[in-house]
Amino acid sequence: MLPDLQLNDTIRLRKPHPCGSYEWTVTRLGADIGLECKGCGHRIMLTRRELARRVKVILPKENNESNTRGA
């Protein structure tokens, strides 16, 4: 169904949130998945099955964290 998700992963859903943002951050893992809208900060909970239906793409992680740690 879903590939492995990890905390703080960014995902893009098929339909936009009313604020206009398509991107969400994973905030909770378990039987239900917690998501936070990157546009307005609204938090929702979806079952794994519902999230699998709604997800369009899991975005690659940004390398900003690794670049700032070395400096």
N, C-alpha and C. Protein backbone atom coordinates (compact mmCIF):
# COMPACT_ATOMS: atom_id res chain seq x y z
N MET A 1 0.83 -1.19 0.00
CA MET A 1 0.00 0.00 0.00
C MET A 1 0.87 1.25 0.00
N LEU A 2 1.42 1.58 1.14
CA LEU A 2 2.30 2.74 1.24
C LEU A 2 3.74 2.30 1.41
N PRO A 3 4.66 2.97 0.75
CA PRO A 3 6.06 2.69 1.06
C PRO A 3 6.36 3.20 2.47
N ASP A 4 7.53 2.90 2.96
CA ASP A 4 7.88 3.31 4.33
C ASP A 4 7.86 4.82 4.47
N LEU A 5 7.05 5.28 5.40
CA LEU A 5 7.02 6.70 5.74
C LEU A 5 7.82 6.90 7.01
N GLN A 6 8.41 8.06 7.16
CA GLN A 6 9.12 8.41 8.38
C GLN A 6 8.64 9.77 8.84
N LEU A 7 8.86 10.05 10.11
CA LEU A 7 8.49 11.36 10.64
C LEU A 7 9.19 12.46 9.85
N ASN A 8 8.51 13.56 9.68
CA ASN A 8 9.00 14.75 8.99
C ASN A 8 9.16 14.57 7.48
N ASP A 9 8.66 13.46 6.92
CA ASP A 9 8.62 13.32 5.47
C ASP A 9 7.60 14.32 4.93
N THR A 10 7.83 14.81 3.71
CA THR A 10 6.88 15.70 3.06
C THR A 10 6.20 14.92 1.95
N ILE A 11 4.87 15.00 1.92
CA ILE A 11 4.11 14.31 0.89
C ILE A 11 3.21 15.31 0.16
N ARG A 12 2.85 14.98 -1.07
CA ARG A 12 1.94 15.80 -1.86
C ARG A 12 0.68 14.98 -2.10
N LEU A 13 -0.47 15.56 -1.76
CA LEU A 13 -1.75 14.88 -1.94
C LEU A 13 -2.36 15.28 -3.28
N ARG A 14 -3.35 14.50 -3.72
CA ARG A 14 -3.97 14.73 -5.02
C ARG A 14 -4.81 16.00 -5.08
N LYS A 15 -5.51 16.31 -4.00
CA LYS A 15 -6.36 17.50 -3.98
C LYS A 15 -5.78 18.52 -3.00
N PRO A 16 -5.94 19.80 -3.30
CA PRO A 16 -5.38 20.82 -2.40
C PRO A 16 -6.22 21.00 -1.14
N HIS A 17 -5.57 21.45 -0.10
CA HIS A 17 -6.24 21.86 1.13
C HIS A 17 -6.94 23.19 0.81
N PRO A 18 -7.99 23.56 1.51
CA PRO A 18 -8.66 24.84 1.24
C PRO A 18 -7.74 26.06 1.24
N CYS A 19 -6.60 25.98 1.93
CA CYS A 19 -5.66 27.11 1.92
C CYS A 19 -4.88 27.18 0.61
N GLY A 20 -4.94 26.12 -0.21
CA GLY A 20 -4.28 26.12 -1.51
C GLY A 20 -3.03 25.25 -1.57
N SER A 21 -2.56 24.76 -0.43
CA SER A 21 -1.33 23.97 -0.39
C SER A 21 -1.62 22.49 -0.68
N TYR A 22 -0.72 21.86 -1.44
CA TYR A 22 -0.81 20.43 -1.71
C TYR A 22 0.12 19.63 -0.80
N GLU A 23 1.05 20.30 -0.12
CA GLU A 23 2.11 19.60 0.61
C GLU A 23 1.81 19.50 2.10
N TRP A 24 2.15 18.33 2.67
CA TRP A 24 1.90 18.02 4.07
C TRP A 24 3.14 17.39 4.67
N THR A 25 3.34 17.57 5.97
CA THR A 25 4.44 16.97 6.71
C THR A 25 3.89 15.88 7.61
N VAL A 26 4.55 14.72 7.63
CA VAL A 26 4.14 13.61 8.49
C VAL A 26 4.54 13.93 9.92
N THR A 27 3.56 13.94 10.85
CA THR A 27 3.83 14.28 12.24
C THR A 27 3.59 13.11 13.18
N ARG A 28 2.91 12.07 12.73
CA ARG A 28 2.62 10.92 13.59
C ARG A 28 2.52 9.67 12.73
N LEU A 29 3.08 8.57 13.23
CA LEU A 29 3.00 7.28 12.55
C LEU A 29 2.34 6.27 13.47
N GLY A 30 1.62 5.36 12.91
CA GLY A 30 0.92 4.33 13.67
C GLY A 30 -0.19 3.78 12.80
N ALA A 31 -1.28 3.32 13.43
CA ALA A 31 -2.43 2.86 12.66
C ALA A 31 -3.01 4.04 11.88
N ASP A 32 -2.99 5.23 12.49
CA ASP A 32 -3.38 6.46 11.81
C ASP A 32 -2.13 7.28 11.57
N ILE A 33 -2.15 8.05 10.49
CA ILE A 33 -1.03 8.91 10.13
C ILE A 33 -1.43 10.35 10.40
N GLY A 34 -0.61 11.07 11.15
CA GLY A 34 -0.85 12.49 11.42
C GLY A 34 -0.14 13.33 10.38
N LEU A 35 -0.85 14.32 9.83
CA LEU A 35 -0.29 15.21 8.82
C LEU A 35 -0.51 16.66 9.24
N GLU A 36 0.46 17.52 8.87
CA GLU A 36 0.34 18.95 9.11
C GLU A 36 0.51 19.68 7.79
N CYS A 37 -0.46 20.54 7.47
CA CYS A 37 -0.42 21.30 6.22
C CYS A 37 0.76 22.27 6.26
N LYS A 38 1.54 22.30 5.17
CA LYS A 38 2.68 23.22 5.12
C LYS A 38 2.25 24.64 4.80
N GLY A 39 1.00 24.81 4.34
CA GLY A 39 0.52 26.15 4.03
C GLY A 39 0.01 26.90 5.25
N CYS A 40 -0.88 26.24 6.02
CA CYS A 40 -1.53 26.94 7.13
C CYS A 40 -1.30 26.30 8.49
N GLY A 41 -0.69 25.10 8.54
CA GLY A 41 -0.40 24.46 9.81
C GLY A 41 -1.53 23.61 10.36
N HIS A 42 -2.62 23.46 9.61
CA HIS A 42 -3.75 22.64 10.06
C HIS A 42 -3.31 21.18 10.17
N ARG A 43 -3.76 20.49 11.22
CA ARG A 43 -3.37 19.09 11.45
C ARG A 43 -4.57 18.18 11.23
N ILE A 44 -4.32 17.04 10.57
CA ILE A 44 -5.36 16.05 10.35
C ILE A 44 -4.80 14.66 10.65
N MET A 45 -5.71 13.70 10.82
CA MET A 45 -5.33 12.30 10.99
C MET A 45 -6.05 11.50 9.91
N LEU A 46 -5.31 10.64 9.22
CA LEU A 46 -5.89 9.76 8.21
C LEU A 46 -5.46 8.33 8.51
N THR A 47 -6.34 7.38 8.17
CA THR A 47 -5.93 5.98 8.25
C THR A 47 -4.92 5.71 7.15
N ARG A 48 -4.15 4.66 7.32
CA ARG A 48 -3.16 4.31 6.29
C ARG A 48 -3.83 4.05 4.95
N ARG A 49 -4.97 3.41 4.98
CA ARG A 49 -5.70 3.10 3.73
C ARG A 49 -6.15 4.39 3.04
N GLU A 50 -6.70 5.32 3.80
CA GLU A 50 -7.16 6.59 3.23
C GLU A 50 -5.98 7.40 2.68
N LEU A 51 -4.88 7.43 3.41
CA LEU A 51 -3.70 8.15 2.93
C LEU A 51 -3.16 7.53 1.65
N ALA A 52 -3.16 6.21 1.56
CA ALA A 52 -2.68 5.54 0.35
C ALA A 52 -3.52 5.94 -0.87
N ARG A 53 -4.80 6.18 -0.66
CA ARG A 53 -5.67 6.61 -1.76
C ARG A 53 -5.42 8.06 -2.15
N ARG A 54 -5.09 8.90 -1.17
CA ARG A 54 -4.97 10.34 -1.42
C ARG A 54 -3.59 10.80 -1.84
N VAL A 55 -2.55 10.05 -1.50
CA VAL A 55 -1.18 10.51 -1.76
C VAL A 55 -0.86 10.46 -3.25
N LYS A 56 -0.17 11.49 -3.72
CA LYS A 56 0.27 11.55 -5.10
C LYS A 56 1.75 11.20 -5.21
N VAL A 57 2.57 11.83 -4.36
CA VAL A 57 4.00 11.57 -4.39
C VAL A 57 4.60 11.88 -3.02
N ILE A 58 5.64 11.12 -2.66
CA ILE A 58 6.42 11.41 -1.46
C ILE A 58 7.65 12.17 -1.94
N LEU A 59 7.79 13.40 -1.48
CA LEU A 59 8.87 14.27 -1.95
C LEU A 59 10.19 13.87 -1.31
N PRO A 60 11.28 14.01 -2.06
CA PRO A 60 12.59 13.68 -1.49
C PRO A 60 12.94 14.64 -0.36
N LYS A 61 13.71 14.11 0.59
CA LYS A 61 14.13 14.94 1.72
C LYS A 61 15.13 15.98 1.25
N GLU A 62 15.03 17.16 1.87
CA GLU A 62 15.96 18.23 1.53
C GLU A 62 17.27 17.99 2.26
N ASN A 63 18.36 18.39 1.66
CA ASN A 63 19.68 18.19 2.26
C ASN A 63 20.13 19.39 3.07
N ASN A 64 19.22 20.29 3.39
CA ASN A 64 19.59 21.49 4.16
C ASN A 64 20.14 21.13 5.53
N GLU A 65 19.57 20.12 6.17
CA GLU A 65 20.02 19.74 7.51
C GLU A 65 21.47 19.25 7.50
N SER A 66 21.82 18.41 6.54
CA SER A 66 23.18 17.87 6.50
C SER A 66 24.19 18.94 6.12
N ASN A 67 23.78 19.91 5.30
CA ASN A 67 24.70 20.98 4.91
C ASN A 67 24.98 21.94 6.05
N THR A 68 23.98 22.22 6.91
CA THR A 68 24.19 23.17 7.99
C THR A 68 24.94 22.54 9.16
N ARG A 69 24.87 21.23 9.32
CA ARG A 69 25.56 20.58 10.44
C ARG A 69 27.05 20.58 10.26
N GLY A 70 27.52 20.51 9.01
CA GLY A 70 28.96 20.45 8.78
C GLY A 70 29.64 21.80 8.97
N ALA A 71 28.90 22.88 8.94
CA ALA A 71 29.51 24.22 9.05
C ALA A 71 29.66 24.65 10.48
